[in-house]
Amino acid sequence: MHDIRAIRDNPAAFDAAMALRGLSPQSPAILALDEARRACISAAESAQADRNAASKDVGRAKASGDEVEFERLRALVSEKKDEIARLEEDAKAKDAALKELLEALPNIPHDDVPDGTDEADNVEIHRWGTPKDFAFAPKEHYDLAATQDGMDFETAAKLSGSRFVMLSGGVARLHRALAQFMLDIHTVENGLTEVNPPVLVLSETMYGTGQLPKFGEDSYQTREGWWLIPTSEVPLTNIVAGHIVEESYLPRRYTAHSLCFRSEAGSAGRDTAGMLRQHQFEKVEMVSITHPDHSRAELDRMTECAQGILEKLGLPYRTVVLCTGDMGAGARRTHDIEVWLPGQNTYREISSCSVCGDFQARRMNARFRPTGGGKPEFVHTLNGSGVAVGRCLIAVLENGQQEDGSVDLPEALHPYLGGKTRLAKDGTLV
């Protein structure tokens, strides 16, 4: 959500920021609606003052016996009452329209975000590891001998339809071990607080992080009105919704492992093979609530936390800054971490870390009280994958694959697998 005062103060700068997002000038319509709303409020206040003055004069006219003046003033009081109600209702309608207009617009990009229209204009800022030179043609995760029994798409489709998978045996344990490994690193080494949040949330919770109203079709809603979370960013960020915290409370850094649900609206035909893009998946999420002065540095810290997971697993990756045209609506700057997948012979996104500034905080009314005094200010929020568990499973399988279809597993996971070091070609851990 945007600050209407900032738009009033510098509409040209706001329009320039929206142009980077591919939008035409927005300030003329916004300011016209804002001016009309304020005019209604001013007129209502003026009418109220007239009504108050007339109400005082009614008594005097009655006491003086001036019936004509008494009736005129009484009619004026009634007329002003109706006028005030009409103006207040009009102001309320214009306020709702202004809010609807503002909440549909994307966030303002940071000055250091590259300009561009799509992923081709993203800029690589970091690369780690060297993709393995296989002596054979590497396969995709679902074609490996080791996953044929433990990665069952047919049974999942029978139960739930397309874009679901049923994991079992060694593959299921490996998937679980990855999530446990990530949580331990984030809590013990990175200092994040572990949370086990609900996966069903209210509409106002989805609104607070920007999923509603514009992106409702990307998520699932129950008949009772709850929403299945697309990521635990939603409940974690809303921990501070409606609160004024002390400045000393900041920063707050959370992590959670949860089921996530996405309808994948508009993605028909994309990445349908295997478990790269599914309706139900698991992620270890990171969320930070910070002081405005520290949010940009926090983005770099969060990115390093996600990168560290891949480095400990020995998975080659690269990090890119998304350009203005490829960045999500709520972000001011986004770092995508892309892991190397030998089966596809390319890098694919495994984590996306974003700083949102006060964009979400305004929707949630989440503020902090400065230590030195003064009015409460909006906090800044950040979110990032730390990392997507299913995609990490894919990367571990594909990067560790052997010619016979077995998989050598990263050393960092051995303690989480009871000392097992390989996924044999029959799908068992050995």
Protein backbone atom coordinates (compact mmCIF):
# COMPACT_ATOMS: atom_id res chain seq x y z
CA MET A 1 0.00 0.00 0.00
CA HIS A 2 1.31 3.44 -0.91
CA ASP A 3 1.45 6.57 1.25
CA ILE A 4 -0.99 9.09 -0.26
CA ARG A 5 0.99 11.94 1.32
CA ALA A 6 4.13 10.92 -0.55
CA ILE A 7 2.17 10.91 -3.81
CA ARG A 8 0.78 14.37 -3.07
CA ASP A 9 4.27 15.69 -2.28
CA ASN A 10 5.95 14.31 -5.40
CA PRO A 11 3.56 12.92 -8.02
CA ALA A 12 6.21 13.05 -10.75
CA ALA A 13 8.51 10.73 -8.78
CA PHE A 14 5.64 8.34 -8.15
CA ASP A 15 4.71 8.22 -11.82
CA ALA A 16 8.34 7.65 -12.74
CA ALA A 17 8.44 4.66 -10.36
CA MET A 18 5.24 3.25 -11.85
CA ALA A 19 6.69 3.69 -15.33
CA LEU A 20 9.53 1.37 -14.30
CA ARG A 21 6.80 -1.17 -13.58
CA GLY A 22 5.38 -0.71 -17.07
CA LEU A 23 2.42 1.43 -15.98
CA SER A 24 1.10 4.71 -17.32
CA PRO A 25 0.99 7.78 -15.01
CA GLN A 26 -1.18 6.97 -12.01
CA SER A 27 -1.02 10.17 -9.97
CA PRO A 28 -3.63 12.19 -11.91
CA ALA A 29 -6.45 9.73 -11.13
CA ILE A 30 -5.20 9.20 -7.57
CA LEU A 31 -4.89 12.90 -6.75
CA ALA A 32 -8.24 13.76 -8.36
CA LEU A 33 -9.98 11.15 -6.21
CA ASP A 34 -8.03 12.24 -3.14
CA GLU A 35 -8.98 15.90 -3.73
CA ALA A 36 -12.64 15.00 -4.16
CA ARG A 37 -12.54 12.93 -0.95
CA ARG A 38 -10.95 15.74 1.01
CA ALA A 39 -13.45 18.23 -0.41
CA CYS A 40 -16.31 16.07 0.88
CA ILE A 41 -14.70 15.89 4.31
CA SER A 42 -14.19 19.66 4.37
CA ALA A 43 -17.76 20.31 3.27
CA ALA A 44 -19.07 17.93 5.93
CA GLU A 45 -17.06 19.73 8.61
CA SER A 46 -18.40 23.11 7.39
CA ALA A 47 -21.97 21.79 7.39
CA GLN A 48 -21.46 20.44 10.92
CA ALA A 49 -20.29 23.87 12.07
CA ASP A 50 -23.39 25.45 10.51
CA ARG A 51 -25.61 22.87 12.20
CA ASN A 52 -23.98 23.46 15.58
CA ALA A 53 -24.47 27.21 15.25
CA ALA A 54 -28.09 26.81 14.17
CA SER A 55 -28.76 24.40 17.06
CA LYS A 56 -27.61 27.03 19.54
CA ASP A 57 -29.82 29.70 17.93
CA VAL A 58 -32.90 27.45 18.02
CA GLY A 59 -33.16 27.77 21.78
CA ARG A 60 -32.80 31.51 21.71
CA ALA A 61 -35.46 31.88 19.02
CA LYS A 62 -37.83 29.71 21.02
CA ALA A 63 -37.18 31.69 24.20
CA SER A 64 -37.79 35.00 22.42
CA GLY A 65 -41.07 33.77 21.01
CA ASP A 66 -39.96 34.25 17.40
CA GLU A 67 -41.80 31.25 15.93
CA VAL A 68 -40.88 32.09 12.33
CA GLU A 69 -37.15 32.18 13.15
CA PHE A 70 -37.54 29.08 15.35
CA GLU A 71 -39.08 27.07 12.50
CA ARG A 72 -36.50 28.31 10.01
CA LEU A 73 -33.61 27.32 12.27
CA ARG A 74 -35.16 23.96 13.10
CA ALA A 75 -35.54 23.21 9.38
CA LEU A 76 -31.95 24.33 8.80
CA VAL A 77 -30.70 21.94 11.52
CA SER A 78 -32.58 19.07 9.89
CA GLU A 79 -31.32 20.05 6.44
CA LYS A 80 -27.72 20.23 7.64
CA LYS A 81 -28.07 16.85 9.32
CA ASP A 82 -29.09 15.30 6.00
CA GLU A 83 -26.34 17.16 4.16
CA ILE A 84 -23.70 15.95 6.63
CA ALA A 85 -24.85 12.34 6.30
CA ARG A 86 -24.73 12.58 2.51
CA LEU A 87 -21.27 14.16 2.49
CA GLU A 88 -19.88 11.66 4.98
CA GLU A 89 -21.25 8.78 2.94
CA ASP A 90 -19.77 10.29 -0.21
CA ALA A 91 -16.40 10.75 1.51
CA LYS A 92 -16.52 7.16 2.74
CA ALA A 93 -17.21 5.88 -0.80
CA LYS A 94 -14.38 7.97 -2.25
CA ASP A 95 -12.04 6.79 0.49
CA ALA A 96 -12.86 3.16 -0.36
CA ALA A 97 -12.30 3.87 -4.07
CA LEU A 98 -8.95 5.52 -3.32
CA LYS A 99 -7.88 2.58 -1.17
CA GLU A 100 -8.89 0.15 -3.92
CA LEU A 101 -6.86 2.14 -6.44
CA LEU A 102 -3.76 2.32 -4.23
CA GLU A 103 -3.80 -1.33 -3.13
CA ALA A 104 -3.80 -2.55 -6.73
CA LEU A 105 -0.54 -0.77 -7.59
CA PRO A 106 2.90 -2.41 -7.27
CA ASN A 107 5.62 -1.29 -4.89
CA ILE A 108 8.21 1.35 -5.79
CA PRO A 109 11.52 -0.25 -6.85
CA HIS A 110 14.72 0.59 -5.01
CA ASP A 111 17.05 2.91 -6.92
CA ASP A 112 19.57 0.07 -7.33
CA VAL A 113 17.13 -2.27 -9.13
CA PRO A 114 18.03 -2.75 -12.82
CA ASP A 115 15.52 -1.48 -15.34
CA GLY A 116 14.05 -4.10 -17.67
CA THR A 117 10.96 -5.83 -18.97
CA ASP A 118 11.43 -9.55 -18.24
CA GLU A 119 13.85 -12.21 -16.93
CA ALA A 120 16.25 -11.57 -19.81
CA ASP A 121 17.08 -8.23 -18.16
CA ASN A 122 17.89 -9.70 -14.72
CA VAL A 123 21.48 -9.14 -13.57
CA GLU A 124 23.71 -11.83 -12.10
CA ILE A 125 25.52 -10.62 -8.96
CA HIS A 126 27.03 -13.81 -7.56
CA ARG A 127 27.95 -17.35 -8.61
CA TRP A 128 29.17 -20.26 -6.49
CA GLY A 129 30.37 -23.74 -7.38
CA THR A 130 31.16 -25.40 -10.67
CA PRO A 131 28.60 -27.68 -12.33
CA LYS A 132 29.84 -31.27 -12.39
CA ASP A 133 31.14 -32.62 -15.68
CA PHE A 134 29.31 -35.94 -15.98
CA ALA A 135 30.81 -38.81 -17.97
CA PHE A 136 27.27 -39.67 -19.08
CA ALA A 137 24.13 -37.77 -20.07
CA PRO A 138 22.58 -36.68 -16.73
CA LYS A 139 18.89 -37.37 -16.24
CA GLU A 140 16.10 -35.36 -14.66
CA HIS A 141 15.06 -36.31 -11.14
CA TYR A 142 11.98 -38.29 -12.14
CA ASP A 143 13.94 -40.45 -14.62
CA LEU A 144 16.52 -41.69 -12.12
CA ALA A 145 16.38 -45.36 -11.16
CA ALA A 146 16.60 -44.35 -7.50
CA THR A 147 13.30 -42.42 -7.66
CA GLN A 148 11.14 -44.79 -9.68
CA ASP A 149 9.46 -46.34 -6.61
CA GLY A 150 9.79 -43.43 -4.19
CA MET A 151 8.41 -40.64 -6.40
CA ASP A 152 4.92 -41.71 -7.44
CA PHE A 153 3.08 -39.26 -9.67
CA GLU A 154 0.46 -41.73 -10.94
CA THR A 155 -0.94 -42.60 -7.51
CA ALA A 156 -0.91 -38.92 -6.52
CA ALA A 157 -2.81 -38.05 -9.71
CA LYS A 158 -5.37 -40.75 -8.93
CA LEU A 159 -5.89 -39.26 -5.47
CA SER A 160 -5.62 -35.53 -6.19
CA GLY A 161 -5.22 -34.84 -9.90
CA SER A 162 -2.24 -33.42 -11.74
CA ARG A 163 0.70 -31.59 -10.14
CA PHE A 164 0.90 -33.71 -7.01
CA VAL A 165 3.41 -36.35 -5.98
CA MET A 166 3.55 -39.09 -3.36
CA LEU A 167 7.00 -39.62 -1.87
CA SER A 168 7.90 -42.82 -0.05
CA GLY A 169 10.83 -44.80 1.29
CA GLY A 170 14.29 -43.32 0.98
CA VAL A 171 13.11 -40.39 -1.14
CA ALA A 172 10.57 -39.36 1.50
CA ARG A 173 13.18 -39.56 4.25
CA LEU A 174 15.61 -37.53 2.19
CA HIS A 175 12.94 -34.88 1.65
CA ARG A 176 12.25 -34.75 5.41
CA ALA A 177 15.97 -34.63 6.20
CA LEU A 178 16.43 -31.60 3.95
CA ALA A 179 13.75 -29.63 5.80
CA GLN A 180 15.22 -30.56 9.20
CA PHE A 181 18.71 -29.63 8.02
CA MET A 182 17.53 -26.22 6.80
CA LEU A 183 15.71 -25.45 10.06
CA ASP A 184 18.74 -26.39 12.14
CA ILE A 185 21.05 -24.16 10.11
CA HIS A 186 18.67 -21.20 10.23
CA THR A 187 17.98 -21.46 13.96
CA VAL A 188 21.38 -22.52 15.30
CA GLU A 189 23.76 -20.73 12.91
CA ASN A 190 21.67 -17.89 11.47
CA GLY A 191 19.82 -16.90 14.63
CA LEU A 192 16.27 -17.14 13.29
CA THR A 193 13.38 -18.02 15.59
CA GLU A 194 11.54 -21.17 14.56
CA VAL A 195 7.74 -20.93 14.28
CA ASN A 196 5.15 -23.57 13.47
CA PRO A 197 2.36 -21.41 12.00
CA PRO A 198 -1.19 -22.25 10.84
CA VAL A 199 -1.59 -23.06 7.16
CA LEU A 200 -5.19 -21.80 7.17
CA VAL A 201 -5.52 -18.03 7.53
CA LEU A 202 -8.19 -15.34 7.37
CA SER A 203 -8.76 -13.03 4.43
CA GLU A 204 -7.34 -10.05 6.33
CA THR A 205 -4.13 -12.02 6.88
CA MET A 206 -3.77 -12.66 3.15
CA TYR A 207 -4.57 -8.99 2.53
CA GLY A 208 -1.80 -7.89 4.88
CA THR A 209 0.95 -9.44 2.75
CA GLY A 210 -0.63 -8.48 -0.58
CA GLN A 211 -2.15 -11.76 -1.77
CA LEU A 212 -5.60 -10.16 -1.68
CA PRO A 213 -7.48 -8.79 -3.40
CA LYS A 214 -5.48 -8.79 -6.64
CA PHE A 215 -3.92 -12.27 -6.51
CA GLY A 216 -6.70 -14.30 -4.96
CA GLU A 217 -6.90 -16.62 -7.97
CA ASP A 218 -3.38 -17.87 -7.19
CA SER A 219 -4.51 -19.39 -3.88
CA TYR A 220 -7.14 -21.79 -2.54
CA GLN A 221 -10.04 -20.76 -0.30
CA THR A 222 -12.15 -23.12 1.79
CA ARG A 223 -15.95 -23.02 1.97
CA GLU A 224 -15.63 -21.60 5.50
CA GLY A 225 -13.63 -18.64 4.17
CA TRP A 226 -10.13 -19.61 5.29
CA TRP A 227 -7.26 -19.48 2.81
CA LEU A 228 -4.55 -22.11 2.40
CA ILE A 229 -1.25 -20.27 2.63
CA PRO A 230 0.86 -19.96 -0.55
CA THR A 231 3.91 -19.70 1.74
CA SER A 232 4.46 -19.20 5.47
CA GLU A 233 5.48 -15.64 4.65
CA VAL A 234 1.78 -14.88 5.17
CA PRO A 235 1.37 -15.92 8.83
CA LEU A 236 4.94 -15.03 9.84
CA THR A 237 4.78 -11.45 8.52
CA ASN A 238 1.36 -10.92 10.09
CA ILE A 239 2.73 -11.67 13.56
CA VAL A 240 3.19 -7.90 13.92
CA ALA A 241 -0.09 -6.91 12.22
CA GLY A 242 -1.98 -4.24 14.15
CA HIS A 243 0.83 -3.79 16.70
CA ILE A 244 3.06 -0.92 17.75
CA VAL A 245 6.28 -2.54 18.98
CA GLU A 246 9.22 -0.91 20.69
CA GLU A 247 12.22 -0.12 18.48
CA SER A 248 14.31 -2.41 20.71
CA TYR A 249 12.08 -5.29 19.56
CA LEU A 250 13.59 -5.04 16.07
CA PRO A 251 14.83 -6.87 14.12
CA ARG A 252 12.68 -10.00 14.43
CA ARG A 253 13.80 -12.92 12.29
CA TYR A 254 11.56 -15.93 11.84
CA THR A 255 11.77 -19.25 10.02
CA ALA A 256 9.16 -21.93 9.44
CA HIS A 257 8.80 -25.22 7.60
CA SER A 258 5.31 -25.56 6.22
CA LEU A 259 3.10 -26.99 3.56
CA CYS A 260 2.34 -24.42 0.86
CA PHE A 261 -0.51 -24.36 -1.64
CA ARG A 262 -0.74 -22.56 -4.98
CA SER A 263 -3.29 -22.88 -7.74
CA GLU A 264 -0.62 -21.97 -10.33
CA ALA A 265 -3.21 -19.89 -12.15
CA GLY A 266 -1.98 -18.92 -15.59
CA SER A 267 0.87 -21.42 -15.60
CA ALA A 268 -0.75 -24.17 -17.66
CA GLY A 269 1.81 -26.14 -19.62
CA ARG A 270 4.82 -24.83 -17.66
CA ASP A 271 7.12 -27.29 -15.88
CA THR A 272 4.46 -29.99 -15.71
CA ALA A 273 6.98 -32.87 -15.70
CA GLY A 274 8.27 -34.01 -12.32
CA MET A 275 7.87 -32.05 -9.09
CA LEU A 276 9.32 -28.68 -10.09
CA ARG A 277 5.96 -26.85 -10.05
CA GLN A 278 3.16 -28.32 -7.95
CA HIS A 279 -0.06 -27.32 -6.20
CA GLN A 280 1.18 -28.61 -2.83
CA PHE A 281 4.80 -28.30 -1.78
CA GLU A 282 7.00 -27.56 1.22
CA LYS A 283 9.26 -24.63 1.96
CA VAL A 284 11.45 -23.42 4.75
CA GLU A 285 10.63 -19.72 4.81
CA MET A 286 12.47 -16.74 6.31
CA VAL A 287 10.78 -13.50 7.37
CA SER A 288 12.40 -10.40 8.89
CA ILE A 289 10.71 -7.41 10.53
CA THR A 290 13.18 -4.52 10.68
CA HIS A 291 13.82 -0.85 11.28
CA PRO A 292 13.55 1.09 7.97
CA ASP A 293 17.23 2.08 8.14
CA HIS A 294 18.35 -1.55 8.18
CA SER A 295 16.06 -3.31 5.71
CA ARG A 296 18.33 -3.08 2.67
CA ALA A 297 21.23 -4.63 4.60
CA GLU A 298 18.85 -7.26 5.93
CA LEU A 299 18.08 -8.32 2.36
CA ASP A 300 21.75 -9.11 1.81
CA ARG A 301 21.87 -11.01 5.10
CA MET A 302 18.79 -13.05 4.21
CA THR A 303 20.20 -13.82 0.77
CA GLU A 304 23.41 -15.08 2.36
CA CYS A 305 21.40 -17.33 4.70
CA ALA A 306 19.71 -18.98 1.71
CA GLN A 307 22.95 -19.22 -0.25
CA GLY A 308 24.60 -20.86 2.75
CA ILE A 309 22.15 -23.76 2.63
CA LEU A 310 23.14 -24.57 -0.94
CA GLU A 311 26.84 -24.18 -0.23
CA LYS A 312 26.68 -26.63 2.68
CA LEU A 313 24.97 -29.09 0.35
CA GLY A 314 27.58 -28.53 -2.36
CA LEU A 315 25.00 -27.37 -4.91
CA PRO A 316 26.23 -24.90 -7.57
CA TYR A 317 24.08 -21.80 -7.84
CA ARG A 318 23.92 -18.25 -9.09
CA THR A 319 22.16 -15.20 -7.64
CA VAL A 320 20.45 -12.59 -9.80
CA VAL A 321 18.79 -9.25 -9.10
CA LEU A 322 15.37 -9.15 -10.71
CA CYS A 323 14.75 -6.22 -13.03
CA THR A 324 11.79 -3.89 -12.57
CA GLY A 325 9.65 -5.81 -15.06
CA ASP A 326 10.25 -9.25 -13.50
CA MET A 327 9.92 -8.32 -9.84
CA GLY A 328 6.88 -9.25 -7.75
CA ALA A 329 4.28 -6.57 -7.04
CA GLY A 330 5.07 -6.25 -3.33
CA ALA A 331 8.86 -6.10 -3.59
CA ARG A 332 11.23 -3.16 -3.74
CA ARG A 333 14.22 -5.36 -4.61
CA THR A 334 14.43 -9.12 -5.13
CA HIS A 335 17.34 -11.56 -5.23
CA ASP A 336 16.57 -14.87 -6.94
CA ILE A 337 18.90 -17.76 -6.17
CA GLU A 338 19.00 -20.30 -8.97
CA VAL A 339 20.40 -23.78 -8.38
CA TRP A 340 22.10 -25.82 -11.11
CA LEU A 341 19.99 -28.72 -12.40
CA PRO A 342 22.11 -31.05 -14.59
CA GLY A 343 19.03 -32.84 -15.96
CA GLN A 344 17.82 -29.59 -17.50
CA ASN A 345 21.32 -28.24 -18.09
CA THR A 346 20.32 -24.90 -16.62
CA TYR A 347 19.88 -22.90 -13.41
CA ARG A 348 16.39 -22.85 -11.86
CA GLU A 349 14.99 -20.70 -9.07
CA ILE A 350 15.15 -22.27 -5.62
CA SER A 351 14.86 -19.15 -3.47
CA SER A 352 13.53 -15.64 -3.88
CA CYS A 353 14.44 -13.03 -1.22
CA SER A 354 12.66 -9.67 -1.24
CA VAL A 355 12.61 -6.46 0.74
CA CYS A 356 9.15 -4.86 0.74
CA GLY A 357 9.87 -1.64 2.65
CA ASP A 358 6.72 -0.41 4.42
CA PHE A 359 4.46 -1.68 1.60
CA GLN A 360 3.08 -4.62 3.62
CA ALA A 361 3.33 -2.81 6.95
CA ARG A 362 0.88 -0.14 5.79
CA ARG A 363 -1.64 -2.84 4.85
CA MET A 364 -1.13 -4.55 8.22
CA ASN A 365 -0.79 -1.32 10.24
CA ALA A 366 2.44 -2.67 11.77
CA ARG A 367 4.51 0.06 13.43
CA PHE A 368 7.29 0.66 15.95
CA ARG A 369 7.80 3.34 18.57
CA PRO A 370 11.19 5.11 18.15
CA THR A 371 13.47 4.84 21.17
CA GLY A 372 14.15 8.57 21.17
CA GLY A 373 10.47 9.43 21.11
CA GLY A 374 8.26 10.72 18.32
CA LYS A 375 5.35 9.32 16.35
CA PRO A 376 5.20 5.58 15.63
CA GLU A 377 6.65 4.61 12.24
CA PHE A 378 5.92 1.71 9.94
CA VAL A 379 8.28 -1.27 10.14
CA HIS A 380 9.90 -2.77 7.06
CA THR A 381 9.28 -6.39 6.09
CA LEU A 382 11.31 -8.96 4.15
CA ASN A 383 10.69 -12.53 3.07
CA GLY A 384 12.69 -15.26 1.38
CA SER A 385 12.83 -18.99 0.78
CA GLY A 386 15.40 -20.72 2.88
CA VAL A 387 14.89 -22.82 0.67
CA ALA A 388 12.15 -24.61 -1.30
CA VAL A 389 12.39 -28.19 0.00
CA GLY A 390 11.08 -29.99 -3.10
CA ARG A 391 13.33 -28.08 -5.47
CA CYS A 392 16.28 -28.72 -3.18
CA LEU A 393 15.45 -32.43 -3.30
CA ILE A 394 15.51 -32.22 -7.10
CA ALA A 395 18.90 -30.49 -7.03
CA VAL A 396 20.40 -33.03 -4.60
CA LEU A 397 19.16 -35.93 -6.72
CA GLU A 398 20.30 -34.55 -10.04
CA ASN A 399 23.69 -33.24 -8.91
CA GLY A 400 24.52 -36.43 -7.01
CA GLN A 401 23.34 -38.91 -9.63
CA GLN A 402 25.57 -41.74 -10.74
CA GLU A 403 25.61 -43.58 -14.04
CA ASP A 404 23.83 -46.63 -12.54
CA GLY A 405 20.91 -44.45 -11.37
CA SER A 406 21.93 -44.23 -7.71
CA VAL A 407 22.60 -40.92 -5.95
CA ASP A 408 25.54 -39.87 -3.78
CA LEU A 409 24.17 -37.63 -1.03
CA PRO A 410 25.78 -34.48 0.42
CA GLU A 411 27.90 -35.04 3.51
CA ALA A 412 25.92 -32.42 5.43
CA LEU A 413 22.84 -34.67 5.26
CA HIS A 414 24.49 -37.87 6.50
CA PRO A 415 23.73 -37.19 10.20
CA TYR A 416 20.07 -36.60 9.31
CA LEU A 417 19.89 -39.94 7.51
CA GLY A 418 21.26 -42.15 10.24
CA GLY A 419 24.70 -42.16 8.66
CA LYS A 420 23.42 -43.26 5.24
CA THR A 421 25.39 -41.75 2.37
CA ARG A 422 23.67 -42.92 -0.81
CA LEU A 423 20.26 -43.46 -2.32
CA ALA A 424 20.65 -46.79 -4.04
CA LYS A 425 19.20 -47.41 -7.45
CA ASP A 426 16.39 -49.43 -5.83
CA GLY A 427 15.40 -46.35 -3.77
CA THR A 428 16.78 -47.49 -0.41
CA LEU A 429 19.20 -45.48 1.72
CA VAL A 430 22.53 -47.22 2.19
